[in-house]
Protein backbone atom coordinates (compact mmCIF):
# COMPACT_ATOMS: atom_id res chain seq x y z
CA UNK A 1 -96.25 -38.54 124.43
CA UNK A 2 -98.32 -35.19 124.22
CA UNK A 3 -96.90 -32.15 125.22
CA UNK A 4 -99.78 -31.26 127.69
CA UNK A 5 -99.08 -34.95 129.59
CA UNK A 6 -95.78 -34.34 130.37
CA UNK A 7 -95.90 -30.69 131.43
CA UNK A 8 -98.45 -32.02 133.73
CA UNK A 9 -96.70 -34.44 134.68
CA UNK A 10 -93.13 -31.94 135.08
CA UNK A 11 -95.53 -29.65 137.29
CA UNK A 12 -96.19 -32.65 139.35
CA UNK A 13 -93.07 -33.92 140.10
CA UNK A 14 -91.67 -30.40 140.80
CA UNK A 15 -94.72 -30.15 142.97
CA UNK A 16 -93.74 -33.18 145.09
CA UNK A 17 -90.17 -31.63 145.36
CA UNK A 18 -91.37 -28.86 146.75
CA UNK A 19 -93.64 -29.90 149.22
CA UNK A 20 -90.67 -31.83 150.60
CA UNK A 21 -88.39 -29.25 150.68
CA UNK A 22 -91.16 -26.56 152.49
CA UNK A 23 -91.48 -30.04 154.78
CA UNK A 24 -87.75 -30.40 155.48
CA UNK A 25 -88.03 -26.71 156.49
CA UNK A 26 -89.97 -27.40 159.41
CA UNK A 27 -93.10 -26.30 157.40
CA UNK A 28 -96.84 -28.59 157.27
CA UNK A 29 -98.32 -28.88 154.21
CA UNK A 30 -102.12 -28.48 154.56
CA UNK A 31 -103.07 -28.46 151.12
CA UNK A 32 -101.84 -29.30 147.30
CA UNK A 33 -103.63 -28.26 144.42
CA UNK A 34 -106.66 -26.04 146.08
CA UNK A 35 -108.83 -24.84 143.26
CA UNK A 36 -111.49 -21.64 143.92
CA UNK A 37 -113.70 -21.75 140.69
CA UNK A 38 -112.69 -19.91 137.99
CA UNK A 39 -110.24 -17.72 140.06
CA UNK A 40 -107.55 -20.68 139.63
CA UNK A 41 -105.65 -22.78 141.70
CA UNK A 42 -102.62 -22.44 144.93
CA UNK A 43 -99.56 -25.00 144.36
CA UNK A 44 -99.37 -25.43 148.05
CA UNK A 45 -101.47 -23.94 151.25
CA UNK A 46 -98.58 -24.21 154.03
CA UNK A 47 -98.83 -23.18 157.82
CA UNK A 48 -95.16 -22.03 158.99
CA UNK A 49 -95.21 -21.54 162.64
CA UNK A 50 -98.13 -19.12 162.67
CA UNK A 51 -97.75 -18.20 159.46
CA UNK A 52 -100.14 -19.36 156.33
CA UNK A 53 -97.85 -20.00 153.12
CA UNK A 54 -99.36 -19.47 150.08
CA UNK A 55 -96.90 -21.08 147.78
CA UNK A 56 -96.98 -21.56 143.96
CA UNK A 57 -94.20 -23.72 142.59
CA UNK A 58 -92.62 -23.54 138.98
CA UNK A 59 -90.98 -26.58 137.40
CA UNK A 60 -88.52 -26.02 134.01
CA UNK A 61 -86.25 -27.81 132.24
CA UNK A 62 -82.33 -26.81 131.98
CA UNK A 63 -82.32 -24.24 129.29
CA UNK A 64 -86.08 -23.73 128.81
CA UNK A 65 -87.81 -20.37 129.04
CA UNK A 66 -86.89 -18.05 132.24
CA UNK A 67 -85.38 -19.59 135.40
CA UNK A 68 -88.35 -20.27 137.36
CA UNK A 69 -87.63 -17.85 140.35
CA UNK A 70 -88.74 -15.36 137.75
CA UNK A 71 -92.25 -16.48 136.90
CA UNK A 72 -94.38 -13.95 139.73
CA UNK A 73 -95.36 -11.02 137.91
CA UNK A 74 -97.07 -8.17 139.64
CA UNK A 75 -100.40 -9.72 138.10
CA UNK A 76 -99.74 -13.40 139.29
CA UNK A 77 -98.72 -11.68 142.92
CA UNK A 78 -102.37 -10.05 142.65
CA UNK A 79 -103.86 -13.30 141.89
CA UNK A 80 -102.10 -15.24 144.19
CA UNK A 81 -103.02 -12.94 147.25
CA UNK A 82 -107.01 -12.87 145.67
CA UNK A 83 -106.57 -16.94 145.99
CA UNK A 84 -105.47 -16.45 149.49
CA UNK A 85 -108.03 -14.30 150.86
CA UNK A 86 -110.45 -16.92 149.74
CA UNK A 87 -108.64 -20.15 150.74
CA UNK A 88 -109.13 -18.02 154.11
CA UNK A 89 -112.68 -17.28 154.14
CA UNK A 90 -113.71 -21.04 153.72
CA UNK A 91 -111.01 -22.30 156.16
CA UNK A 92 -111.85 -19.72 158.83
CA UNK A 93 -109.43 -16.89 158.40
CA UNK A 94 -105.91 -15.46 159.00
CA UNK A 95 -103.62 -17.19 161.19
CA UNK A 96 -101.96 -15.44 164.06
CA UNK A 97 -99.20 -14.76 161.69
CA UNK A 98 -100.26 -13.47 158.62
CA UNK A 99 -100.15 -14.99 155.13
CA UNK A 100 -97.15 -15.00 153.07
CA UNK A 101 -96.98 -15.95 149.54
CA UNK A 102 -93.64 -17.96 148.65
CA UNK A 103 -91.91 -19.19 145.49
CA UNK A 104 -90.27 -22.41 144.91
CA UNK A 105 -88.42 -23.11 141.66
CA UNK A 106 -87.56 -26.36 141.00
CA UNK A 107 -85.04 -27.06 137.54
CA UNK A 108 -84.44 -30.68 136.05
CA UNK A 109 -81.21 -30.36 134.65
CA UNK A 110 -80.31 -33.44 131.59
CA UNK A 111 -78.15 -34.92 133.90
CA UNK A 112 -78.19 -35.01 137.87
CA UNK A 113 -80.16 -34.16 140.92
CA UNK A 114 -82.87 -31.35 140.49
CA UNK A 115 -82.51 -27.76 141.56
CA UNK A 116 -85.10 -26.60 144.42
CA UNK A 117 -85.09 -22.97 145.36
CA UNK A 118 -87.23 -21.96 147.78
CA UNK A 119 -87.78 -18.09 148.09
CA UNK A 120 -89.73 -16.91 151.04
CA UNK A 121 -91.98 -13.77 150.77
CA UNK A 122 -91.98 -12.81 147.44
CA UNK A 123 -95.45 -10.88 146.58
């Protein structure tokens, strides 16, 4: 199997687990994989009460690369904020509670259940 396909399948699986985790936490998932031209993509756009949540999802297999929760660099945070602004322009402006950037890290062990961590307000 080609590694790009394997990676995108892994990412889709992680996003599915992340969307479920957010819904279980009482959030409403509004959109997944929202793209804005060449600027990039928001993995999940959700609502948490009156707050709009832009959620980055990182999925890793155990022991490979860095822990997913280390994935938000300052450059990544800036890009996510820009994408959030663009999303709001297209969808009627900011909600009363403003915007929050969250990260969901999914680690898939060789055996056993995936570990899903949700960090609120990472950037």
